[in-house]
């Protein structure tokens, strides 16, 4: 069963603060229980400032499970980090 996306909107931190908060979310996503939940409930994070400037459909949502993959539209974040062997 798939659920709706979990989307975090962060504000008031600037670029460095946003990056730090995203890194903390990614670390949390690595924990066993959260990683398991993210298999059914993909999550992404964006800044409020980017949402106001570009709109929610823009490629500005960073998948919490894999920040290195770069920003994507809100419907694309997956909860499973790709295997990079």
PDB file of N, CA and C in Angstrom:
ATOM      1  N   UNK A   1       0.837  -1.180   0.000  1.00  0.00           N
ATOM      2  CA  UNK A   1       0.000   0.000   0.000  1.00  0.00           C
ATOM      3  C   UNK A   1       0.881   1.241   0.000  1.00  0.00           C
ATOM      4  N   UNK A   2       0.577   2.193  -0.840  1.00  0.00           N
ATOM      5  CA  UNK A   2       1.328   3.453  -0.915  1.00  0.00           C
ATOM      6  C   UNK A   2       0.493   4.550  -0.288  1.00  0.00           C
ATOM      7  N   UNK A   3       1.149   5.429   0.418  1.00  0.00           N
ATOM      8  CA  UNK A   3       0.503   6.568   1.036  1.00  0.00           C
ATOM      9  C   UNK A   3       0.934   7.842   0.310  1.00  0.00           C
ATOM     10  N   UNK A   4       0.305   8.931   0.652  1.00  0.00           N
ATOM     11  CA  UNK A   4       0.686  10.227   0.092  1.00  0.00           C
ATOM     12  C   UNK A   4       2.103  10.581   0.506  1.00  0.00           C
ATOM     13  N   UNK A   5       2.702  11.490  -0.192  1.00  0.00           N
ATOM     14  CA  UNK A   5       4.052  11.957   0.132  1.00  0.00           C
ATOM     15  C   UNK A   5       4.036  12.736   1.438  1.00  0.00           C
ATOM     16  N   UNK A   6       5.159  12.690   2.136  1.00  0.00           N
ATOM     17  CA  UNK A   6       5.381  13.507   3.319  1.00  0.00           C
ATOM     18  C   UNK A   6       6.311  14.626   2.885  1.00  0.00           C
ATOM     19  N   UNK A   7       5.815  15.858   2.900  1.00  0.00           N
ATOM     20  CA  UNK A   7       6.587  16.989   2.405  1.00  0.00           C
ATOM     21  C   UNK A   7       6.860  17.966   3.542  1.00  0.00           C
ATOM     22  N   UNK A   8       8.138  18.254   3.779  1.00  0.00           N
ATOM     23  CA  UNK A   8       8.564  19.210   4.796  1.00  0.00           C
ATOM     24  C   UNK A   8       8.865  20.532   4.111  1.00  0.00           C
ATOM     25  N   UNK A   9       8.376  21.615   4.680  1.00  0.00           N
ATOM     26  CA  UNK A   9       8.673  22.954   4.178  1.00  0.00           C
ATOM     27  C   UNK A   9       9.428  23.692   5.282  1.00  0.00           C
ATOM     28  N   UNK A  10      10.662  24.076   4.984  1.00  0.00           N
ATOM     29  CA  UNK A  10      11.514  24.758   5.962  1.00  0.00           C
ATOM     30  C   UNK A  10      11.645  26.229   5.603  1.00  0.00           C
ATOM     31  N   UNK A  11      11.767  27.066   6.614  1.00  0.00           N
ATOM     32  CA  UNK A  11      11.891  28.501   6.371  1.00  0.00           C
ATOM     33  C   UNK A  11      12.750  29.162   7.442  1.00  0.00           C
ATOM     34  N   UNK A  12      13.245  30.350   7.110  1.00  0.00           N
ATOM     35  CA  UNK A  12      13.927  31.183   8.080  1.00  0.00           C
ATOM     36  C   UNK A  12      15.328  30.758   8.448  1.00  0.00           C
ATOM     37  N   UNK A  13      16.013  30.009   7.596  1.00  0.00           N
ATOM     38  CA  UNK A  13      17.341  29.539   7.958  1.00  0.00           C
ATOM     39  C   UNK A  13      18.420  29.936   6.955  1.00  0.00           C
ATOM     40  N   UNK A  14      18.064  30.461   5.807  1.00  0.00           N
ATOM     41  CA  UNK A  14      19.051  30.754   4.771  1.00  0.00           C
ATOM     42  C   UNK A  14      19.544  29.468   4.129  1.00  0.00           C
ATOM     43  N   UNK A  15      20.425  29.603   3.160  1.00  0.00           N
ATOM     44  CA  UNK A  15      20.906  28.426   2.418  1.00  0.00           C
ATOM     45  C   UNK A  15      21.682  27.453   3.294  1.00  0.00           C
ATOM     46  N   UNK A  16      22.570  27.973   4.147  1.00  0.00           N
ATOM     47  CA  UNK A  16      23.367  27.101   5.006  1.00  0.00           C
ATOM     48  C   UNK A  16      22.494  26.388   6.023  1.00  0.00           C
ATOM     49  N   UNK A  17      21.582  27.119   6.636  1.00  0.00           N
ATOM     50  CA  UNK A  17      20.670  26.512   7.606  1.00  0.00           C
ATOM     51  C   UNK A  17      19.782  25.468   6.962  1.00  0.00           C
ATOM     52  N   UNK A  18      19.319  25.744   5.743  1.00  0.00           N
ATOM     53  CA  UNK A  18      18.494  24.782   5.022  1.00  0.00           C
ATOM     54  C   UNK A  18      19.286  23.500   4.773  1.00  0.00           C
ATOM     55  N   UNK A  19      20.522  23.630   4.315  1.00  0.00           N
ATOM     56  CA  UNK A  19      21.371  22.457   4.055  1.00  0.00           C
ATOM     57  C   UNK A  19      21.601  21.659   5.335  1.00  0.00           C
ATOM     58  N   UNK A  20      21.846  22.347   6.453  1.00  0.00           N
ATOM     59  CA  UNK A  20      22.058  21.661   7.728  1.00  0.00           C
ATOM     60  C   UNK A  20      20.803  20.914   8.180  1.00  0.00           C
ATOM     61  N   UNK A  21      19.654  21.549   8.042  1.00  0.00           N
ATOM     62  CA  UNK A  21      18.399  20.899   8.431  1.00  0.00           C
ATOM     63  C   UNK A  21      18.109  19.689   7.539  1.00  0.00           C
ATOM     64  N   UNK A  22      18.391  19.821   6.253  1.00  0.00           N
ATOM     65  CA  UNK A  22      18.193  18.696   5.334  1.00  0.00           C
ATOM     66  C   UNK A  22      19.102  17.531   5.704  1.00  0.00           C
ATOM     67  N   UNK A  23      20.343  17.833   6.054  1.00  0.00           N
ATOM     68  CA  UNK A  23      21.282  16.775   6.456  1.00  0.00           C
ATOM     69  C   UNK A  23      20.782  16.041   7.691  1.00  0.00           C
ATOM     70  N   UNK A  24      20.224  16.783   8.635  1.00  0.00           N
ATOM     71  CA  UNK A  24      19.675  16.136   9.834  1.00  0.00           C
ATOM     72  C   UNK A  24      18.485  15.254   9.482  1.00  0.00           C
ATOM     73  N   UNK A  25      17.633  15.721   8.563  1.00  0.00           N
ATOM     74  CA  UNK A  25      16.509  14.895   8.132  1.00  0.00           C
ATOM     75  C   UNK A  25      16.996  13.626   7.439  1.00  0.00           C
ATOM     76  N   UNK A  26      18.048  13.755   6.626  1.00  0.00           N
ATOM     77  CA  UNK A  26      18.591  12.582   5.941  1.00  0.00           C
ATOM     78  C   UNK A  26      19.164  11.584   6.944  1.00  0.00           C
ATOM     79  N   UNK A  27      19.843  12.067   7.973  1.00  0.00           N
ATOM     80  CA  UNK A  27      20.356  11.176   9.016  1.00  0.00           C
ATOM     81  C   UNK A  27      19.217  10.449   9.720  1.00  0.00           C
ATOM     82  N   UNK A  28      18.155  11.165  10.000  1.00  0.00           N
ATOM     83  CA  UNK A  28      16.992  10.543  10.634  1.00  0.00           C
ATOM     84  C   UNK A  28      16.391   9.490   9.714  1.00  0.00           C
ATOM     85  N   UNK A  29      16.390   9.766   8.420  1.00  0.00           N
ATOM     86  CA  UNK A  29      15.832   8.817   7.451  1.00  0.00           C
ATOM     87  C   UNK A  29      16.620   7.519   7.407  1.00  0.00           C
ATOM     88  N   UNK A  30      17.854   7.526   7.884  1.00  0.00           N
ATOM     89  CA  UNK A  30      18.682   6.315   7.883  1.00  0.00           C
ATOM     90  C   UNK A  30      18.372   5.396   9.069  1.00  0.00           C
ATOM     91  N   UNK A  31      17.696   5.920  10.080  1.00  0.00           N
ATOM     92  CA  UNK A  31      17.387   5.069  11.226  1.00  0.00           C
ATOM     93  C   UNK A  31      16.431   3.963  10.787  1.00  0.00           C
ATOM     94  N   UNK A  32      16.526   2.829  11.418  1.00  0.00           N
ATOM     95  CA  UNK A  32      15.802   1.630  10.994  1.00  0.00           C
ATOM     96  C   UNK A  32      14.301   1.867  10.826  1.00  0.00           C
ATOM     97  N   UNK A  33      13.658   2.412  11.840  1.00  0.00           N
ATOM     98  CA  UNK A  33      12.203   2.555  11.797  1.00  0.00           C
ATOM     99  C   UNK A  33      11.750   3.609  10.789  1.00  0.00           C
ATOM    100  N   UNK A  34      12.485   4.689  10.696  1.00  0.00           N
ATOM    101  CA  UNK A  34      12.122   5.735   9.735  1.00  0.00           C
ATOM    102  C   UNK A  34      12.367   5.241   8.315  1.00  0.00           C
ATOM    103  N   UNK A  35      13.490   4.580   8.082  1.00  0.00           N
ATOM    104  CA  UNK A  35      13.780   4.038   6.745  1.00  0.00           C
ATOM    105  C   UNK A  35      12.690   3.062   6.320  1.00  0.00           C
ATOM    106  N   UNK A  36      12.222   2.273   7.254  1.00  0.00           N
ATOM    107  CA  UNK A  36      11.154   1.316   6.951  1.00  0.00           C
ATOM    108  C   UNK A  36       9.862   2.050   6.582  1.00  0.00           C
ATOM    109  N   UNK A  37       9.529   3.098   7.338  1.00  0.00           N
ATOM    110  CA  UNK A  37       8.338   3.881   7.052  1.00  0.00           C
ATOM    111  C   UNK A  37       8.446   4.561   5.687  1.00  0.00           C
ATOM    112  N   UNK A  38       9.652   5.051   5.349  1.00  0.00           N
ATOM    113  CA  UNK A  38       9.841   5.762   4.087  1.00  0.00           C
ATOM    114  C   UNK A  38       9.695   4.856   2.865  1.00  0.00           C
ATOM    115  N   UNK A  39       9.689   3.550   3.059  1.00  0.00           N
ATOM    116  CA  UNK A  39       9.434   2.650   1.937  1.00  0.00           C
ATOM    117  C   UNK A  39       7.993   2.777   1.462  1.00  0.00           C
ATOM    118  N   UNK A  40       7.084   3.135   2.376  1.00  0.00           N
ATOM    119  CA  UNK A  40       5.676   3.313   2.026  1.00  0.00           C
ATOM    120  C   UNK A  40       5.273   4.774   1.901  1.00  0.00           C
ATOM    121  N   UNK A  41       5.999   5.649   2.586  1.00  0.00           N
ATOM    122  CA  UNK A  41       5.650   7.065   2.607  1.00  0.00           C
ATOM    123  C   UNK A  41       6.869   7.883   2.191  1.00  0.00           C
ATOM    124  N   UNK A  42       7.083   8.083   0.895  1.00  0.00           N
ATOM    125  CA  UNK A  42       8.220   8.883   0.444  1.00  0.00           C
ATOM    126  C   UNK A  42       8.143  10.304   0.983  1.00  0.00           C
ATOM    127  N   UNK A  43       9.300  10.902   1.240  1.00  0.00           N
ATOM    128  CA  UNK A  43       9.340  12.234   1.839  1.00  0.00           C
ATOM    129  C   UNK A  43      10.312  13.140   1.093  1.00  0.00           C
ATOM    130  N   UNK A  44       9.964  14.413   1.053  1.00  0.00           N
ATOM    131  CA  UNK A  44      10.821  15.413   0.440  1.00  0.00           C
ATOM    132  C   UNK A  44      10.831  16.674   1.284  1.00  0.00           C
ATOM    133  N   UNK A  45      11.802  17.525   1.025  1.00  0.00           N
ATOM    134  CA  UNK A  45      11.942  18.777   1.768  1.00  0.00           C
ATOM    135  C   UNK A  45      12.247  19.903   0.783  1.00  0.00           C
ATOM    136  N   UNK A  46      11.654  21.078   1.050  1.00  0.00           N
ATOM    137  CA  UNK A  46      11.884  22.269   0.223  1.00  0.00           C
ATOM    138  C   UNK A  46      11.854  23.487   1.134  1.00  0.00           C
ATOM    139  N   UNK A  47      12.403  24.576   0.639  1.00  0.00           N
ATOM    140  CA  UNK A  47      12.350  25.813   1.414  1.00  0.00           C
ATOM    141  C   UNK A  47      11.101  26.604   0.998  1.00  0.00           C
ATOM    142  N   UNK A  48      10.520  27.290   1.962  1.00  0.00           N
ATOM    143  CA  UNK A  48       9.346  28.114   1.692  1.00  0.00           C
ATOM    144  C   UNK A  48       9.673  29.196   0.673  1.00  0.00           C
ATOM    145  N   UNK A  49      10.859  29.748   0.768  1.00  0.00           N
ATOM    146  CA  UNK A  49      11.263  30.800  -0.163  1.00  0.00           C
ATOM    147  C   UNK A  49      11.283  30.291  -1.603  1.00  0.00           C
ATOM    148  N   UNK A  50      11.791  29.072  -1.816  1.00  0.00           N
ATOM    149  CA  UNK A  50      11.790  28.481  -3.164  1.00  0.00           C
ATOM    150  C   UNK A  50      10.369  28.199  -3.636  1.00  0.00           C
ATOM    151  N   UNK A  51       9.516  27.727  -2.730  1.00  0.00           N
ATOM    152  CA  UNK A  51       8.124  27.463  -3.087  1.00  0.00           C
ATOM    153  C   UNK A  51       7.420  28.741  -3.521  1.00  0.00           C
ATOM    154  N   UNK A  52       7.654  29.814  -2.791  1.00  0.00           N
ATOM    155  CA  UNK A  52       7.020  31.093  -3.143  1.00  0.00           C
ATOM    156  C   UNK A  52       7.539  31.621  -4.475  1.00  0.00           C
ATOM    157  N   UNK A  53       8.816  31.414  -4.742  1.00  0.00           N
ATOM    158  CA  UNK A  53       9.419  31.930  -5.976  1.00  0.00           C
ATOM    159  C   UNK A  53       9.058  31.091  -7.202  1.00  0.00           C
ATOM    160  N   UNK A  54       9.088  29.761  -7.059  1.00  0.00           N
ATOM    161  CA  UNK A  54       8.965  28.878  -8.218  1.00  0.00           C
ATOM    162  C   UNK A  54       7.680  28.064  -8.276  1.00  0.00           C
ATOM    163  N   UNK A  55       6.950  27.986  -7.187  1.00  0.00           N
ATOM    164  CA  UNK A  55       5.722  27.199  -7.142  1.00  0.00           C
ATOM    165  C   UNK A  55       5.984  25.760  -6.742  1.00  0.00           C
ATOM    166  N   UNK A  56       4.971  25.081  -6.230  1.00  0.00           N
ATOM    167  CA  UNK A  56       5.148  23.728  -5.699  1.00  0.00           C
ATOM    168  C   UNK A  56       5.475  22.668  -6.746  1.00  0.00           C
ATOM    169  N   UNK A  57       5.168  22.914  -8.019  1.00  0.00           N
ATOM    170  CA  UNK A  57       5.441  21.927  -9.064  1.00  0.00           C
ATOM    171  C   UNK A  57       6.849  21.971  -9.616  1.00  0.00           C
ATOM    172  N   UNK A  58       7.633  22.945  -9.162  1.00  0.00           N
ATOM    173  CA  UNK A  58       9.011  23.075  -9.663  1.00  0.00           C
ATOM    174  C   UNK A  58       9.899  21.982  -9.082  1.00  0.00           C
ATOM    175  N   UNK A  59      11.027  21.783  -9.722  1.00  0.00           N
ATOM    176  CA  UNK A  59      11.988  20.791  -9.228  1.00  0.00           C
ATOM    177  C   UNK A  59      12.777  21.399  -8.075  1.00  0.00           C
ATOM    178  N   UNK A  60      12.157  21.420  -6.896  1.00  0.00           N
ATOM    179  CA  UNK A  60      12.803  21.997  -5.730  1.00  0.00           C
ATOM    180  C   UNK A  60      12.648  21.129  -4.484  1.00  0.00           C
ATOM    181  N   UNK A  61      12.083  19.946  -4.638  1.00  0.00           N
ATOM    182  CA  UNK A  61      11.891  19.019  -3.518  1.00  0.00           C
ATOM    183  C   UNK A  61      13.067  18.057  -3.454  1.00  0.00           C
ATOM    184  N   UNK A  62      13.768  18.083  -2.332  1.00  0.00           N
ATOM    185  CA  UNK A  62      14.924  17.216  -2.114  1.00  0.00           C
ATOM    186  C   UNK A  62      14.448  15.940  -1.431  1.00  0.00           C
ATOM    187  N   UNK A  63      14.639  14.752  -2.047  1.00  0.00           N
ATOM    188  CA  UNK A  63      14.229  13.497  -1.417  1.00  0.00           C
ATOM    189  C   UNK A  63      15.032  13.263  -0.127  1.00  0.00           C
ATOM    190  N   UNK A  64      14.358  13.117   0.982  1.00  0.00           N
ATOM    191  CA  UNK A  64      15.031  12.967   2.271  1.00  0.00           C
ATOM    192  C   UNK A  64      15.871  11.696   2.315  1.00  0.00           C
ATOM    193  N   UNK A  65      15.424  10.654   1.658  1.00  0.00           N
ATOM    194  CA  UNK A  65      16.170   9.395   1.678  1.00  0.00           C
ATOM    195  C   UNK A  65      17.451   9.462   0.856  1.00  0.00           C
ATOM    196  N   UNK A  66      17.574  10.455  -0.031  1.00  0.00           N
ATOM    197  CA  UNK A  66      18.753  10.537  -0.895  1.00  0.00           C
ATOM    198  C   UNK A  66      18.948  11.981  -1.372  1.00  0.00           C
ATOM    199  N   UNK A  67      19.488  12.822  -0.513  1.00  0.00           N
ATOM    200  CA  UNK A  67      19.697  14.232  -0.859  1.00  0.00           C
ATOM    201  C   UNK A  67      20.654  14.402  -2.025  1.00  0.00           C
ATOM    202  N   UNK A  68      21.569  13.449  -2.221  1.00  0.00           N
ATOM    203  CA  UNK A  68      22.542  13.541  -3.307  1.00  0.00           C
ATOM    204  C   UNK A  68      21.901  13.451  -4.687  1.00  0.00           C
ATOM    205  N   UNK A  69      20.679  12.930  -4.752  1.00  0.00           N
ATOM    206  CA  UNK A  69      20.030  12.778  -6.055  1.00  0.00           C
ATOM    207  C   UNK A  69      19.565  14.123  -6.623  1.00  0.00           C
ATOM    208  N   UNK A  70      19.537  15.157  -5.784  1.00  0.00           N
ATOM    209  CA  UNK A  70      19.173  16.484  -6.257  1.00  0.00           C
ATOM    210  C   UNK A  70      17.683  16.732  -6.196  1.00  0.00           C
ATOM    211  N   UNK A  71      17.263  17.969  -6.442  1.00  0.00           N
ATOM    212  CA  UNK A  71      15.845  18.309  -6.344  1.00  0.00           C
ATOM    213  C   UNK A  71      15.025  17.724  -7.489  1.00  0.00           C
ATOM    214  N   UNK A  72      13.790  17.389  -7.151  1.00  0.00           N
ATOM    215  CA  UNK A  72      12.843  16.800  -8.106  1.00  0.00           C
ATOM    216  C   UNK A  72      11.470  17.432  -7.873  1.00  0.00           C
ATOM    217  N   UNK A  73      10.502  17.226  -8.784  1.00  0.00           N
ATOM    218  CA  UNK A  73       9.134  17.683  -8.516  1.00  0.00           C
ATOM    219  C   UNK A  73       8.548  16.930  -7.316  1.00  0.00           C
ATOM    220  N   UNK A  74       7.517  17.459  -6.691  1.00  0.00           N
ATOM    221  CA  UNK A  74       6.977  16.874  -5.466  1.00  0.00           C
ATOM    222  C   UNK A  74       6.507  15.438  -5.646  1.00  0.00           C
ATOM    223  N   UNK A  75       6.136  15.033  -6.835  1.00  0.00           N
ATOM    224  CA  UNK A  75       5.596  13.692  -7.027  1.00  0.00           C
ATOM    225  C   UNK A  75       6.678  12.628  -7.229  1.00  0.00           C
ATOM    226  N   UNK A  76       7.944  13.029  -7.344  1.00  0.00           N
ATOM    227  CA  UNK A  76       8.998  12.066  -7.613  1.00  0.00           C
ATOM    228  C   UNK A  76       9.781  11.519  -6.424  1.00  0.00           C
ATOM    229  N   UNK A  77       9.854  12.203  -5.262  1.00  0.00           N
ATOM    230  CA  UNK A  77      10.693  11.635  -4.195  1.00  0.00           C
ATOM    231  C   UNK A  77      10.270  10.208  -3.856  1.00  0.00           C
ATOM    232  N   UNK A  78      11.273   9.369  -3.701  1.00  0.00           N
ATOM    233  CA  UNK A  78      11.001   8.002  -3.281  1.00  0.00           C
ATOM    234  C   UNK A  78      11.562   7.821  -1.881  1.00  0.00           C
ATOM    235  N   UNK A  79      11.097   6.823  -1.198  1.00  0.00           N
ATOM    236  CA  UNK A  79      11.551   6.576   0.163  1.00  0.00           C
ATOM    237  C   UNK A  79      12.722   5.636   0.237  1.00  0.00           C
ATOM    238  N   UNK A  80      13.179   5.163  -0.918  1.00  0.00           N
ATOM    239  CA  UNK A  80      14.236   4.155  -0.921  1.00  0.00           C
ATOM    240  C   UNK A  80      15.474   4.736  -1.599  1.00  0.00           C
ATOM    241  N   UNK A  81      16.580   4.754  -0.882  1.00  0.00           N
ATOM    242  CA  UNK A  81      17.826   5.241  -1.466  1.00  0.00           C
ATOM    243  C   UNK A  81      18.330   4.206  -2.476  1.00  0.00           C
ATOM    244  N   UNK A  82      18.725   4.644  -3.658  1.00  0.00           N
ATOM    245  CA  UNK A  82      19.219   3.707  -4.667  1.00  0.00           C
ATOM    246  C   UNK A  82      20.462   2.969  -4.167  1.00  0.00           C
ATOM    247  N   UNK A  83      20.579   1.725  -4.560  1.00  0.00           N
ATOM    248  CA  UNK A  83      21.752   0.933  -4.215  1.00  0.00           C
ATOM    249  C   UNK A  83      22.932   1.416  -5.053  1.00  0.00           C
ATOM    250  N   UNK A  84      24.015   1.836  -4.417  1.00  0.00           N
ATOM    251  CA  UNK A  84      25.153   2.408  -5.147  1.00  0.00           C
ATOM    252  C   UNK A  84      26.383   1.528  -5.041  1.00  0.00           C
ATOM    253  N   UNK A  85      26.243   0.283  -5.341  1.00  0.00           N
ATOM    254  CA  UNK A  85      27.375  -0.638  -5.285  1.00  0.00           C
ATOM    255  C   UNK A  85      28.244  -0.518  -6.498  1.00  0.00           C
TER     256      UNK A  85
END
